[in-house]
Amino acid sequence: MATNTLKQLNVIGQSVWLDSIRRAHIQSGELKKLIDDDGISGETANPSIFEKAIAGSPDYDDAIAALARAGKSSLEIYETLAIQDVQMACDVFRSVYDATNGADGFVSIEVNPKLANDTQGTIEEAKRFFRAVNRPNVMIKIPGTQAGVPAIEECLYAGLNINITLLFSIAAHEQVAWAYVRALERRAAEGKPIDRVASVASFFVSRIDTLADKLIADKMKNATDVALKAKLESLGGKTAIANAKLAY
């Protein structure tokens, strides 16, 4: 049996994804090493992660300068750098994608958060990113907002791989799961392939505990009953996991 904890997770059917991306990490071979040594099977990114990578390192300075000289806007520069990184990461993960017959080895890139309440804008940007990256193992991240759900269904119906993010509740999780089912049923009814239309639901955990634990701590401050205080203390760090288990 594998002694590496991350590889042990692989053995029991869990896929561990890296919630980070950085150009030097890809180009230096560090990402490939994580795949080979630790069984990392996917990677995800968002504008916040890219901001930390771009602003927190000199990795992108030359590329930014060249794009600026070419007259590109700040948004165009960001998108160019992000797409390039995701393309390179997809190429590194391609062996995982092929070995698992398309079950793993994905890299995610997120649509502009400003489109969270814009269904049509989300659809258009998701399709544009999917074409621009041009890799079978890219996933486009779309938030599971009220406007995002129909966009998710339409993009899956169009054959895009979708990572559904910003999910906090069981009801939201169920809603996007049915959007996935509807999209595939529509494709199947038209004789379109469904075996390589992949999707994951990114159910948030830590942010729920951040809020829940604060509420618990506030109640503990005002609790005078010893038994109640002990009960409240025992609930710390457990709310989000319980919520995720119910969603699963």
C-alpha atoms as a PDB file:
ATOM      1  CA  MET A   1       0.000   0.000   0.000  1.00  0.00           C
ATOM      2  CA  ALA A   2       1.194   3.537  -0.776  1.00  0.00           C
ATOM      3  CA  THR A   3       2.871   5.236   2.196  1.00  0.00           C
ATOM      4  CA  ASN A   4       2.434   8.734   0.772  1.00  0.00           C
ATOM      5  CA  THR A   5      -0.768  10.144   2.305  1.00  0.00           C
ATOM      6  CA  LEU A   6      -1.829  11.857  -0.914  1.00  0.00           C
ATOM      7  CA  LYS A   7      -1.298   8.687  -2.915  1.00  0.00           C
ATOM      8  CA  GLN A   8      -3.319   6.775  -0.330  1.00  0.00           C
ATOM      9  CA  LEU A   9      -6.196   9.093  -1.168  1.00  0.00           C
ATOM     10  CA  ASN A  10      -5.802   8.112  -4.833  1.00  0.00           C
ATOM     11  CA  VAL A  11      -6.058   4.442  -3.855  1.00  0.00           C
ATOM     12  CA  ILE A  12      -9.460   4.988  -2.211  1.00  0.00           C
ATOM     13  CA  GLY A  13     -10.780   6.906  -5.196  1.00  0.00           C
ATOM     14  CA  GLN A  14     -10.116  10.512  -4.199  1.00  0.00           C
ATOM     15  CA  SER A  15      -8.670  13.023  -6.649  1.00  0.00           C
ATOM     16  CA  VAL A  16      -6.426  15.667  -5.085  1.00  0.00           C
ATOM     17  CA  TRP A  17      -6.245  18.953  -6.994  1.00  0.00           C
ATOM     18  CA  LEU A  18      -3.797  21.786  -6.504  1.00  0.00           C
ATOM     19  CA  ASP A  19      -5.541  25.073  -5.680  1.00  0.00           C
ATOM     20  CA  SER A  20      -2.746  27.219  -7.074  1.00  0.00           C
ATOM     21  CA  ILE A  21      -0.964  28.085 -10.301  1.00  0.00           C
ATOM     22  CA  ARG A  22       2.303  29.869 -11.107  1.00  0.00           C
ATOM     23  CA  ARG A  23       4.358  29.969 -14.282  1.00  0.00           C
ATOM     24  CA  ALA A  24       7.716  29.149 -12.659  1.00  0.00           C
ATOM     25  CA  HIS A  25       6.109  26.225 -10.864  1.00  0.00           C
ATOM     26  CA  ILE A  26       5.078  24.785 -14.223  1.00  0.00           C
ATOM     27  CA  GLN A  27       8.256  25.552 -16.157  1.00  0.00           C
ATOM     28  CA  SER A  28      10.651  24.340 -13.448  1.00  0.00           C
ATOM     29  CA  GLY A  29       9.171  20.848 -13.377  1.00  0.00           C
ATOM     30  CA  GLU A  30       7.785  21.260  -9.846  1.00  0.00           C
ATOM     31  CA  LEU A  31       4.236  20.639 -11.046  1.00  0.00           C
ATOM     32  CA  LYS A  32       5.257  17.463 -12.868  1.00  0.00           C
ATOM     33  CA  LYS A  33       7.036  16.305  -9.702  1.00  0.00           C
ATOM     34  CA  LEU A  34       3.853  16.765  -7.661  1.00  0.00           C
ATOM     35  CA  ILE A  35       1.996  14.632 -10.180  1.00  0.00           C
ATOM     36  CA  ASP A  36       4.641  11.904 -10.209  1.00  0.00           C
ATOM     37  CA  ASP A  37       5.507  11.861  -6.498  1.00  0.00           C
ATOM     38  CA  ASP A  38       2.228  12.795  -4.824  1.00  0.00           C
ATOM     39  CA  GLY A  39      -0.435  11.760  -7.299  1.00  0.00           C
ATOM     40  CA  ILE A  40      -1.830  15.273  -7.778  1.00  0.00           C
ATOM     41  CA  SER A  41      -4.484  14.829 -10.454  1.00  0.00           C
ATOM     42  CA  GLY A  42      -5.749  18.322 -11.271  1.00  0.00           C
ATOM     43  CA  GLU A  43      -5.246  22.036 -10.783  1.00  0.00           C
ATOM     44  CA  THR A  44      -7.530  24.991 -10.376  1.00  0.00           C
ATOM     45  CA  ALA A  45      -7.054  28.732 -10.657  1.00  0.00           C
ATOM     46  CA  ASN A  46      -9.085  31.904 -10.349  1.00  0.00           C
ATOM     47  CA  PRO A  47      -8.395  35.643 -10.697  1.00  0.00           C
ATOM     48  CA  SER A  48      -7.289  35.870  -7.056  1.00  0.00           C
ATOM     49  CA  ILE A  49      -4.770  33.048  -7.496  1.00  0.00           C
ATOM     50  CA  PHE A  50      -3.433  34.643 -10.672  1.00  0.00           C
ATOM     51  CA  GLU A  51      -3.157  38.018  -8.921  1.00  0.00           C
ATOM     52  CA  LYS A  52      -0.963  36.464  -6.237  1.00  0.00           C
ATOM     53  CA  ALA A  53       1.181  34.684  -8.834  1.00  0.00           C
ATOM     54  CA  ILE A  54       1.609  37.706 -11.116  1.00  0.00           C
ATOM     55  CA  ALA A  55       2.030  40.396  -8.448  1.00  0.00           C
ATOM     56  CA  GLY A  56       4.017  38.216  -6.080  1.00  0.00           C
ATOM     57  CA  SER A  57       6.781  37.089  -8.414  1.00  0.00           C
ATOM     58  CA  PRO A  58       8.949  38.329 -11.296  1.00  0.00           C
ATOM     59  CA  ASP A  59       7.869  35.357 -13.443  1.00  0.00           C
ATOM     60  CA  TYR A  60       5.629  37.448 -15.674  1.00  0.00           C
ATOM     61  CA  ASP A  61       7.509  40.755 -15.878  1.00  0.00           C
ATOM     62  CA  ASP A  62       8.992  40.260 -19.343  1.00  0.00           C
ATOM     63  CA  ALA A  63       5.720  38.979 -20.798  1.00  0.00           C
ATOM     64  CA  ILE A  64       3.784  41.879 -19.278  1.00  0.00           C
ATOM     65  CA  ALA A  65       6.259  44.405 -20.694  1.00  0.00           C
ATOM     66  CA  ALA A  66       6.037  42.865 -24.173  1.00  0.00           C
ATOM     67  CA  LEU A  67       2.233  42.841 -24.136  1.00  0.00           C
ATOM     68  CA  ALA A  68       2.116  46.428 -22.861  1.00  0.00           C
ATOM     69  CA  ARG A  69       4.425  47.546 -25.666  1.00  0.00           C
ATOM     70  CA  ALA A  70       2.046  45.838 -28.090  1.00  0.00           C
ATOM     71  CA  GLY A  71      -0.726  48.096 -26.817  1.00  0.00           C
ATOM     72  CA  LYS A  72      -2.697  45.480 -24.907  1.00  0.00           C
ATOM     73  CA  SER A  73      -5.073  46.585 -22.156  1.00  0.00           C
ATOM     74  CA  SER A  74      -4.668  45.380 -18.570  1.00  0.00           C
ATOM     75  CA  LEU A  75      -7.539  42.904 -19.052  1.00  0.00           C
ATOM     76  CA  GLU A  76      -6.028  41.603 -22.293  1.00  0.00           C
ATOM     77  CA  ILE A  77      -2.659  41.180 -20.579  1.00  0.00           C
ATOM     78  CA  TYR A  78      -4.245  39.275 -17.685  1.00  0.00           C
ATOM     79  CA  GLU A  79      -6.218  36.980 -19.983  1.00  0.00           C
ATOM     80  CA  THR A  80      -3.182  36.283 -22.166  1.00  0.00           C
ATOM     81  CA  LEU A  81      -1.015  35.347 -19.178  1.00  0.00           C
ATOM     82  CA  ALA A  82      -3.761  33.260 -17.564  1.00  0.00           C
ATOM     83  CA  ILE A  83      -4.534  31.360 -20.756  1.00  0.00           C
ATOM     84  CA  GLN A  84      -0.840  30.676 -21.382  1.00  0.00           C
ATOM     85  CA  ASP A  85      -0.395  29.287 -17.857  1.00  0.00           C
ATOM     86  CA  VAL A  86      -3.483  27.111 -18.143  1.00  0.00           C
ATOM     87  CA  GLN A  87      -2.349  25.790 -21.528  1.00  0.00           C
ATOM     88  CA  MET A  88       1.051  24.823 -20.096  1.00  0.00           C
ATOM     89  CA  ALA A  89      -0.543  23.225 -17.036  1.00  0.00           C
ATOM     90  CA  CYS A  90      -3.004  21.302 -19.224  1.00  0.00           C
ATOM     91  CA  ASP A  91      -0.074  19.920 -21.203  1.00  0.00           C
ATOM     92  CA  VAL A  92       1.624  18.748 -17.987  1.00  0.00           C
ATOM     93  CA  PHE A  93      -1.585  17.079 -16.783  1.00  0.00           C
ATOM     94  CA  ARG A  94      -2.350  15.540 -20.184  1.00  0.00           C
ATOM     95  CA  SER A  95      -0.728  12.232 -19.197  1.00  0.00           C
ATOM     96  CA  VAL A  96      -3.104  11.990 -16.209  1.00  0.00           C
ATOM     97  CA  TYR A  97      -6.070  12.834 -18.436  1.00  0.00           C
ATOM     98  CA  ASP A  98      -5.121  10.154 -20.950  1.00  0.00           C
ATOM     99  CA  ALA A  99      -4.292   7.517 -18.315  1.00  0.00           C
ATOM    100  CA  THR A 100      -7.680   7.985 -16.620  1.00  0.00           C
ATOM    101  CA  ASN A 101      -9.621   8.117 -19.889  1.00  0.00           C
ATOM    102  CA  GLY A 102     -10.694  11.679 -19.214  1.00  0.00           C
ATOM    103  CA  ALA A 103     -11.743  11.186 -15.584  1.00  0.00           C
ATOM    104  CA  ASP A 104      -8.898  13.290 -14.163  1.00  0.00           C
ATOM    105  CA  GLY A 105      -6.089  15.611 -15.222  1.00  0.00           C
ATOM    106  CA  PHE A 106      -8.089  18.820 -15.575  1.00  0.00           C
ATOM    107  CA  VAL A 107      -6.972  22.428 -15.134  1.00  0.00           C
ATOM    108  CA  SER A 108      -9.554  25.128 -14.407  1.00  0.00           C
ATOM    109  CA  ILE A 109      -9.755  28.759 -15.472  1.00  0.00           C
ATOM    110  CA  GLU A 110     -12.536  31.014 -14.204  1.00  0.00           C
ATOM    111  CA  VAL A 111     -14.766  33.431 -16.076  1.00  0.00           C
ATOM    112  CA  ASN A 112     -14.695  37.064 -14.962  1.00  0.00           C
ATOM    113  CA  PRO A 113     -16.417  37.354 -11.539  1.00  0.00           C
ATOM    114  CA  LYS A 114     -18.173  40.484 -12.821  1.00  0.00           C
ATOM    115  CA  LEU A 115     -20.296  38.143 -14.957  1.00  0.00           C
ATOM    116  CA  ALA A 116     -21.741  36.294 -11.936  1.00  0.00           C
ATOM    117  CA  ASN A 117     -25.206  37.755 -12.606  1.00  0.00           C
ATOM    118  CA  ASP A 118     -24.963  37.775 -16.411  1.00  0.00           C
ATOM    119  CA  THR A 119     -26.073  34.497 -17.988  1.00  0.00           C
ATOM    120  CA  GLN A 120     -25.355  35.347 -21.621  1.00  0.00           C
ATOM    121  CA  GLY A 121     -22.076  37.074 -20.815  1.00  0.00           C
ATOM    122  CA  THR A 122     -20.947  34.017 -18.875  1.00  0.00           C
ATOM    123  CA  ILE A 123     -21.820  31.671 -21.738  1.00  0.00           C
ATOM    124  CA  GLU A 124     -19.925  33.800 -24.253  1.00  0.00           C
ATOM    125  CA  GLU A 125     -16.816  34.157 -22.083  1.00  0.00           C
ATOM    126  CA  ALA A 126     -16.778  30.463 -21.153  1.00  0.00           C
ATOM    127  CA  LYS A 127     -16.893  29.473 -24.815  1.00  0.00           C
ATOM    128  CA  ARG A 128     -14.208  32.026 -25.665  1.00  0.00           C
ATOM    129  CA  PHE A 129     -11.875  30.704 -22.949  1.00  0.00           C
ATOM    130  CA  PHE A 130     -12.553  27.103 -23.979  1.00  0.00           C
ATOM    131  CA  ARG A 131     -11.598  27.909 -27.582  1.00  0.00           C
ATOM    132  CA  ALA A 132      -8.576  29.980 -26.540  1.00  0.00           C
ATOM    133  CA  VAL A 133      -7.052  27.339 -24.262  1.00  0.00           C
ATOM    134  CA  ASN A 134      -7.844  24.669 -26.857  1.00  0.00           C
ATOM    135  CA  ARG A 135      -7.051  21.673 -24.657  1.00  0.00           C
ATOM    136  CA  PRO A 136      -9.388  18.713 -23.995  1.00  0.00           C
ATOM    137  CA  ASN A 137      -8.541  18.800 -20.296  1.00  0.00           C
ATOM    138  CA  VAL A 138      -9.410  22.419 -19.565  1.00  0.00           C
ATOM    139  CA  MET A 139     -12.366  23.188 -17.303  1.00  0.00           C
ATOM    140  CA  ILE A 140     -14.112  26.530 -17.242  1.00  0.00           C
ATOM    141  CA  LYS A 141     -15.148  27.698 -13.781  1.00  0.00           C
ATOM    142  CA  ILE A 142     -18.634  29.177 -13.562  1.00  0.00           C
ATOM    143  CA  PRO A 143     -20.251  30.212 -10.257  1.00  0.00           C
ATOM    144  CA  GLY A 144     -23.443  28.436  -9.243  1.00  0.00           C
ATOM    145  CA  THR A 145     -25.393  31.687  -8.935  1.00  0.00           C
ATOM    146  CA  GLN A 146     -28.975  32.134 -10.088  1.00  0.00           C
ATOM    147  CA  ALA A 147     -27.700  33.489 -13.407  1.00  0.00           C
ATOM    148  CA  GLY A 148     -24.879  30.964 -13.503  1.00  0.00           C
ATOM    149  CA  VAL A 149     -27.040  27.819 -13.440  1.00  0.00           C
ATOM    150  CA  PRO A 150     -28.587  28.291 -16.927  1.00  0.00           C
ATOM    151  CA  ALA A 151     -25.138  29.273 -18.238  1.00  0.00           C
ATOM    152  CA  ILE A 152     -23.708  26.058 -16.777  1.00  0.00           C
ATOM    153  CA  GLU A 153     -26.391  23.975 -18.476  1.00  0.00           C
ATOM    154  CA  GLU A 154     -25.891  25.679 -21.839  1.00  0.00           C
ATOM    155  CA  CYS A 155     -22.105  25.348 -21.704  1.00  0.00           C
ATOM    156  CA  LEU A 156     -22.279  21.661 -20.767  1.00  0.00           C
ATOM    157  CA  TYR A 157     -24.812  21.142 -23.546  1.00  0.00           C
ATOM    158  CA  ALA A 158     -22.310  22.798 -25.913  1.00  0.00           C
ATOM    159  CA  GLY A 159     -19.681  20.248 -24.847  1.00  0.00           C
ATOM    160  CA  LEU A 160     -17.568  22.386 -22.514  1.00  0.00           C
ATOM    161  CA  ASN A 161     -16.023  20.940 -19.354  1.00  0.00           C
ATOM    162  CA  ILE A 162     -17.353  22.967 -16.428  1.00  0.00           C
ATOM    163  CA  ASN A 163     -16.110  23.425 -12.861  1.00  0.00           C
ATOM    164  CA  ILE A 164     -19.074  24.779 -10.895  1.00  0.00           C
ATOM    165  CA  THR A 165     -17.855  27.002  -8.101  1.00  0.00           C
ATOM    166  CA  LEU A 166     -19.258  29.159  -5.291  1.00  0.00           C
ATOM    167  CA  LEU A 167     -21.465  26.388  -3.884  1.00  0.00           C
ATOM    168  CA  PHE A 168     -22.296  26.675  -0.192  1.00  0.00           C
ATOM    169  CA  SER A 169     -25.683  25.002   0.304  1.00  0.00           C
ATOM    170  CA  ILE A 170     -27.181  21.586  -0.315  1.00  0.00           C
ATOM    171  CA  ALA A 171     -29.965  23.180  -2.360  1.00  0.00           C
ATOM    172  CA  ALA A 172     -27.451  24.930  -4.632  1.00  0.00           C
ATOM    173  CA  HIS A 173     -25.509  21.692  -5.077  1.00  0.00           C
ATOM    174  CA  GLU A 174     -28.667  19.824  -6.075  1.00  0.00           C
ATOM    175  CA  GLN A 175     -29.638  22.597  -8.476  1.00  0.00           C
ATOM    176  CA  VAL A 176     -26.378  22.445 -10.423  1.00  0.00           C
ATOM    177  CA  ALA A 177     -26.372  18.633 -10.381  1.00  0.00           C
ATOM    178  CA  TRP A 178     -29.705  18.657 -12.179  1.00  0.00           C
ATOM    179  CA  ALA A 179     -28.385  21.257 -14.632  1.00  0.00           C
ATOM    180  CA  TYR A 180     -25.611  18.781 -15.487  1.00  0.00           C
ATOM    181  CA  VAL A 181     -28.133  15.956 -15.954  1.00  0.00           C
ATOM    182  CA  ARG A 182     -30.375  18.083 -18.168  1.00  0.00           C
ATOM    183  CA  ALA A 183     -27.454  19.163 -20.348  1.00  0.00           C
ATOM    184  CA  LEU A 184     -26.317  15.584 -20.943  1.00  0.00           C
ATOM    185  CA  GLU A 185     -29.867  14.391 -21.588  1.00  0.00           C
ATOM    186  CA  ARG A 186     -30.245  17.091 -24.234  1.00  0.00           C
ATOM    187  CA  ARG A 187     -26.983  16.043 -25.881  1.00  0.00           C
ATOM    188  CA  ALA A 188     -27.913  12.357 -25.773  1.00  0.00           C
ATOM    189  CA  ALA A 189     -31.337  13.062 -27.293  1.00  0.00           C
ATOM    190  CA  GLU A 190     -29.583  14.692 -30.254  1.00  0.00           C
ATOM    191  CA  GLY A 191     -27.086  11.862 -30.655  1.00  0.00           C
ATOM    192  CA  LYS A 192     -24.166  13.934 -29.389  1.00  0.00           C
ATOM    193  CA  PRO A 193     -21.405  12.239 -27.345  1.00  0.00           C
ATOM    194  CA  ILE A 194     -21.532  12.651 -23.574  1.00  0.00           C
ATOM    195  CA  ASP A 195     -18.568  10.504 -22.510  1.00  0.00           C
ATOM    196  CA  ARG A 196     -16.069  13.386 -22.534  1.00  0.00           C
ATOM    197  CA  VAL A 197     -18.216  16.192 -21.150  1.00  0.00           C
ATOM    198  CA  ALA A 198     -16.769  16.510 -17.654  1.00  0.00           C
ATOM    199  CA  SER A 199     -17.939  18.561 -14.714  1.00  0.00           C
ATOM    200  CA  VAL A 200     -17.176  18.955 -11.023  1.00  0.00           C
ATOM    201  CA  ALA A 201     -19.075  20.758  -8.275  1.00  0.00           C
ATOM    202  CA  SER A 202     -16.689  22.763  -6.099  1.00  0.00           C
ATOM    203  CA  PHE A 203     -18.498  22.677  -2.763  1.00  0.00           C
ATOM    204  CA  PHE A 204     -16.984  25.229  -0.381  1.00  0.00           C
ATOM    205  CA  VAL A 205     -15.907  24.053   3.057  1.00  0.00           C
ATOM    206  CA  SER A 206     -13.445  26.351   4.852  1.00  0.00           C
ATOM    207  CA  ARG A 207     -15.419  29.559   4.295  1.00  0.00           C
ATOM    208  CA  ILE A 208     -18.475  28.050   5.973  1.00  0.00           C
ATOM    209  CA  ASP A 209     -16.489  27.127   9.078  1.00  0.00           C
ATOM    210  CA  THR A 210     -14.922  30.584   9.145  1.00  0.00           C
ATOM    211  CA  LEU A 211     -18.378  32.073   9.618  1.00  0.00           C
ATOM    212  CA  ALA A 212     -19.908  29.261  11.677  1.00  0.00           C
ATOM    213  CA  ASP A 213     -16.993  29.109  14.112  1.00  0.00           C
ATOM    214  CA  LYS A 214     -17.226  32.864  14.668  1.00  0.00           C
ATOM    215  CA  LEU A 215     -20.925  32.537  15.491  1.00  0.00           C
ATOM    216  CA  ILE A 216     -20.174  29.638  17.837  1.00  0.00           C
ATOM    217  CA  ALA A 217     -17.426  31.643  19.556  1.00  0.00           C
ATOM    218  CA  ASP A 218     -19.808  34.582  20.032  1.00  0.00           C
ATOM    219  CA  LYS A 219     -22.399  32.309  21.632  1.00  0.00           C
ATOM    220  CA  MET A 220     -19.763  30.770  23.897  1.00  0.00           C
ATOM    221  CA  LYS A 221     -18.845  34.204  25.251  1.00  0.00           C
ATOM    222  CA  ASN A 222     -22.406  34.716  26.438  1.00  0.00           C
ATOM    223  CA  ALA A 223     -23.032  31.151  27.617  1.00  0.00           C
ATOM    224  CA  THR A 224     -23.289  30.719  31.383  1.00  0.00           C
ATOM    225  CA  ASP A 225     -24.367  27.089  31.435  1.00  0.00           C
ATOM    226  CA  VAL A 226     -21.300  24.819  31.597  1.00  0.00           C
ATOM    227  CA  ALA A 227     -22.935  22.000  29.631  1.00  0.00           C
ATOM    228  CA  LEU A 228     -24.075  24.376  26.888  1.00  0.00           C
ATOM    229  CA  LYS A 229     -20.624  25.922  26.666  1.00  0.00           C
ATOM    230  CA  ALA A 230     -19.026  22.468  26.317  1.00  0.00           C
ATOM    231  CA  LYS A 231     -21.547  21.531  23.635  1.00  0.00           C
ATOM    232  CA  LEU A 232     -20.841  24.692  21.678  1.00  0.00           C
ATOM    233  CA  GLU A 233     -17.102  24.139  21.953  1.00  0.00           C
ATOM    234  CA  SER A 234     -17.492  20.606  20.569  1.00  0.00           C
ATOM    235  CA  LEU A 235     -19.120  22.009  17.420  1.00  0.00           C
ATOM    236  CA  GLY A 236     -16.090  24.068  16.382  1.00  0.00           C
ATOM    237  CA  GLY A 237     -14.701  23.129  12.983  1.00  0.00           C
ATOM    238  CA  LYS A 238     -17.495  20.640  12.262  1.00  0.00           C
ATOM    239  CA  THR A 239     -20.261  22.615  10.560  1.00  0.00           C
ATOM    240  CA  ALA A 240     -18.761  22.723   7.076  1.00  0.00           C
ATOM    241  CA  ILE A 241     -17.811  19.043   7.026  1.00  0.00           C
ATOM    242  CA  ALA A 242     -21.329  18.078   8.129  1.00  0.00           C
ATOM    243  CA  ASN A 243     -22.782  20.294   5.392  1.00  0.00           C
ATOM    244  CA  ALA A 244     -20.484  18.753   2.766  1.00  0.00           C
ATOM    245  CA  LYS A 245     -21.400  15.218   3.867  1.00  0.00           C
ATOM    246  CA  LEU A 246     -25.089  15.988   3.504  1.00  0.00           C
ATOM    247  CA  ALA A 247     -24.502  17.431   0.040  1.00  0.00           C
ATOM    248  CA  TYR A 248     -22.537  14.328  -0.960  1.00  0.00           C
END
